[in-house]
Amino acid sequence: MLHDILLIVIGLIIGLVIGFFGARAFMKKYLKKNPPINEDMIKNLMMQMGRKPNQKQINQMMKNMNKYM
């Protein structure tokens, strides 16, 4: 009886770990393919704040965004 409960608990823990890393890999792949923000959005945001961004600034922002993904 105790052996059966232990096997169920170990199976659940292993399943949670595999599920976590599988979901994490899936989300990284999804966000890389479909980024939540793009260059046009950054440009529009900076224009709304009253700044005229050049391409270097946009590239720096995109690089920083991709660094944390």
C-alpha atoms as a PDB file:
ATOM      1  CA  MET A   1       0.000   0.000   0.000  1.00  0.00           C
ATOM      2  CA  LEU A   2       2.730   2.475   0.984  1.00  0.00           C
ATOM      3  CA  HIS A   3       4.697   1.345  -2.067  1.00  0.00           C
ATOM      4  CA  ASP A   4       1.760   2.175  -4.366  1.00  0.00           C
ATOM      5  CA  ILE A   5       1.277   5.642  -2.881  1.00  0.00           C
ATOM      6  CA  LEU A   6       5.005   6.341  -3.199  1.00  0.00           C
ATOM      7  CA  LEU A   7       4.958   5.330  -6.876  1.00  0.00           C
ATOM      8  CA  ILE A   8       1.980   7.616  -7.551  1.00  0.00           C
ATOM      9  CA  VAL A   9       3.674  10.568  -5.847  1.00  0.00           C
ATOM     10  CA  ILE A  10       6.943   9.983  -7.720  1.00  0.00           C
ATOM     11  CA  GLY A  11       5.022   9.679 -10.990  1.00  0.00           C
ATOM     12  CA  LEU A  12       3.218  12.959 -10.340  1.00  0.00           C
ATOM     13  CA  ILE A  13       6.463  14.761  -9.542  1.00  0.00           C
ATOM     14  CA  ILE A  14       8.145  13.433 -12.683  1.00  0.00           C
ATOM     15  CA  GLY A  15       5.097  14.404 -14.747  1.00  0.00           C
ATOM     16  CA  LEU A  16       5.095  17.933 -13.335  1.00  0.00           C
ATOM     17  CA  VAL A  17       8.792  18.411 -14.084  1.00  0.00           C
ATOM     18  CA  ILE A  18       8.455  17.112 -17.652  1.00  0.00           C
ATOM     19  CA  GLY A  19       5.314  19.194 -18.191  1.00  0.00           C
ATOM     20  CA  PHE A  20       6.998  22.347 -16.899  1.00  0.00           C
ATOM     21  CA  PHE A  21      10.026  22.043 -19.163  1.00  0.00           C
ATOM     22  CA  GLY A  22       7.878  21.026 -22.130  1.00  0.00           C
ATOM     23  CA  ALA A  23       5.597  24.034 -21.692  1.00  0.00           C
ATOM     24  CA  ARG A  24       8.600  26.314 -21.221  1.00  0.00           C
ATOM     25  CA  ALA A  25      10.223  25.103 -24.441  1.00  0.00           C
ATOM     26  CA  PHE A  26       6.927  25.473 -26.323  1.00  0.00           C
ATOM     27  CA  MET A  27       6.428  29.049 -25.108  1.00  0.00           C
ATOM     28  CA  LYS A  28       9.993  30.068 -25.975  1.00  0.00           C
ATOM     29  CA  LYS A  29       9.540  28.682 -29.474  1.00  0.00           C
ATOM     30  CA  TYR A  30       6.152  30.388 -29.847  1.00  0.00           C
ATOM     31  CA  LEU A  31       7.412  33.783 -28.651  1.00  0.00           C
ATOM     32  CA  LYS A  32      10.431  33.582 -30.936  1.00  0.00           C
ATOM     33  CA  LYS A  33       8.163  32.902 -33.919  1.00  0.00           C
ATOM     34  CA  ASN A  34       5.465  35.434 -32.880  1.00  0.00           C
ATOM     35  CA  PRO A  35       7.112  38.205 -30.879  1.00  0.00           C
ATOM     36  CA  PRO A  36       4.740  40.267 -28.734  1.00  0.00           C
ATOM     37  CA  ILE A  37       6.304  43.532 -29.924  1.00  0.00           C
ATOM     38  CA  ASN A  38       7.914  44.516 -33.216  1.00  0.00           C
ATOM     39  CA  GLU A  39       9.870  47.450 -34.625  1.00  0.00           C
ATOM     40  CA  ASP A  40       6.764  49.328 -35.770  1.00  0.00           C
ATOM     41  CA  MET A  41       5.284  49.175 -32.275  1.00  0.00           C
ATOM     42  CA  ILE A  42       8.501  50.520 -30.746  1.00  0.00           C
ATOM     43  CA  LYS A  43       8.642  53.312 -33.323  1.00  0.00           C
ATOM     44  CA  ASN A  44       5.015  54.307 -32.673  1.00  0.00           C
ATOM     45  CA  LEU A  45       5.557  54.218 -28.909  1.00  0.00           C
ATOM     46  CA  MET A  46       8.579  56.503 -29.122  1.00  0.00           C
ATOM     47  CA  MET A  47       6.715  58.875 -31.475  1.00  0.00           C
ATOM     48  CA  GLN A  48       3.845  59.075 -28.963  1.00  0.00           C
ATOM     49  CA  MET A  49       6.353  59.999 -26.257  1.00  0.00           C
ATOM     50  CA  GLY A  50       7.546  62.893 -28.425  1.00  0.00           C
ATOM     51  CA  ARG A  51      10.789  61.376 -29.675  1.00  0.00           C
ATOM     52  CA  LYS A  52      11.825  60.837 -33.273  1.00  0.00           C
ATOM     53  CA  PRO A  53      13.616  57.491 -33.123  1.00  0.00           C
ATOM     54  CA  ASN A  54      16.346  56.553 -35.550  1.00  0.00           C
ATOM     55  CA  GLN A  55      17.015  52.988 -36.672  1.00  0.00           C
ATOM     56  CA  LYS A  56      19.904  52.554 -34.218  1.00  0.00           C
ATOM     57  CA  GLN A  57      17.631  53.296 -31.249  1.00  0.00           C
ATOM     58  CA  ILE A  58      14.972  50.912 -32.554  1.00  0.00           C
ATOM     59  CA  ASN A  59      17.578  48.181 -33.028  1.00  0.00           C
ATOM     60  CA  GLN A  60      18.864  48.716 -29.475  1.00  0.00           C
ATOM     61  CA  MET A  61      15.338  48.400 -28.078  1.00  0.00           C
ATOM     62  CA  MET A  62      14.684  45.219 -30.086  1.00  0.00           C
ATOM     63  CA  LYS A  63      18.004  43.766 -28.914  1.00  0.00           C
ATOM     64  CA  ASN A  64      17.092  44.477 -25.284  1.00  0.00           C
ATOM     65  CA  MET A  65      13.639  42.939 -25.749  1.00  0.00           C
ATOM     66  CA  ASN A  66      15.080  39.782 -27.324  1.00  0.00           C
ATOM     67  CA  LYS A  67      17.747  39.479 -24.636  1.00  0.00           C
ATOM     68  CA  TYR A  68      15.123  38.885 -21.946  1.00  0.00           C
ATOM     69  CA  MET A  69      13.031  36.394 -23.930  1.00  0.00           C
END
